[in-house]
């Protein structure tokens, strides 16, 4: 598991998550979310269903709002 002490938790509300990139490791145990190339969220997949559902939602919003 990676440390999360670098995250500015109070600023997460200002990040447009539909513009973020979601990266999972091969075992799908670690999940990282990047915004403008900077990691803004890391989670070990202990919350499973809830975080994964949010990621799916963010990806769908992103695909619908992408520049064509």
Protein backbone atom coordinates (compact mmCIF):
# COMPACT_ATOMS: atom_id res chain seq x y z
CA UNK A 1 0.00 0.00 0.00
CA UNK A 2 1.28 3.48 -0.91
CA UNK A 3 1.39 6.40 1.54
CA UNK A 4 -1.24 9.11 1.17
CA UNK A 5 0.28 11.85 3.29
CA UNK A 6 0.92 14.00 0.19
CA UNK A 7 -2.79 14.39 -0.59
CA UNK A 8 -4.36 17.77 0.14
CA UNK A 9 -7.63 16.37 1.41
CA UNK A 10 -9.37 19.75 1.69
CA UNK A 11 -8.77 20.45 -2.01
CA UNK A 12 -10.30 17.20 -3.30
CA UNK A 13 -13.68 18.92 -3.54
CA UNK A 14 -12.19 21.27 -6.18
CA UNK A 15 -11.04 18.50 -8.54
CA UNK A 16 -13.30 17.74 -11.54
CA UNK A 17 -13.13 13.96 -11.28
CA UNK A 18 -14.63 13.44 -14.72
CA UNK A 19 -11.32 14.79 -16.10
CA UNK A 20 -9.24 12.36 -14.08
CA UNK A 21 -7.39 9.27 -15.21
CA UNK A 22 -7.96 6.07 -13.25
CA UNK A 23 -5.11 3.56 -13.02
CA UNK A 24 -5.28 0.11 -11.45
CA UNK A 25 -2.44 -2.30 -10.81
CA UNK A 26 -2.38 -5.73 -12.45
CA UNK A 27 -3.90 -7.48 -9.47
CA UNK A 28 -6.59 -4.76 -9.25
CA UNK A 29 -5.74 -4.18 -5.61
CA UNK A 30 -4.37 -0.64 -5.79
CA UNK A 31 -6.31 2.16 -7.42
CA UNK A 32 -4.83 5.57 -8.25
CA UNK A 33 -6.63 8.61 -9.62
CA UNK A 34 -4.57 11.26 -11.44
CA UNK A 35 -5.54 14.82 -12.30
CA UNK A 36 -3.28 16.80 -14.65
CA UNK A 37 -0.62 14.12 -14.25
CA UNK A 38 -0.56 14.38 -10.45
CA UNK A 39 -1.86 11.60 -8.24
CA UNK A 40 -4.73 12.98 -6.20
CA UNK A 41 -6.16 9.81 -4.70
CA UNK A 42 -4.81 6.39 -3.88
CA UNK A 43 -6.71 3.56 -2.32
CA UNK A 44 -6.10 -0.05 -1.58
CA UNK A 45 -9.22 -1.77 -2.84
CA UNK A 46 -10.58 -2.47 0.62
CA UNK A 47 -13.79 -0.61 -0.10
CA UNK A 48 -14.25 -2.64 -3.26
CA UNK A 49 -17.73 -2.16 -4.62
CA UNK A 50 -18.25 1.48 -3.62
CA UNK A 51 -15.01 2.90 -5.02
CA UNK A 52 -15.20 0.70 -8.12
CA UNK A 53 -18.75 1.93 -8.77
CA UNK A 54 -17.60 5.54 -8.43
CA UNK A 55 -14.74 4.90 -10.87
CA UNK A 56 -17.15 3.44 -13.43
CA UNK A 57 -19.37 6.50 -13.03
CA UNK A 58 -16.42 8.89 -13.48
CA UNK A 59 -15.29 7.03 -16.61
CA UNK A 60 -18.76 7.22 -18.15
CA UNK A 61 -19.06 10.93 -17.41
CA UNK A 62 -15.60 11.46 -18.89
CA UNK A 63 -16.43 9.53 -22.07
CA UNK A 64 -19.62 11.56 -22.57
CA UNK A 65 -17.87 14.90 -22.04
CA UNK A 66 -14.68 14.12 -23.99
CA UNK A 67 -13.67 16.45 -26.82
CA UNK A 68 -14.50 14.87 -30.16
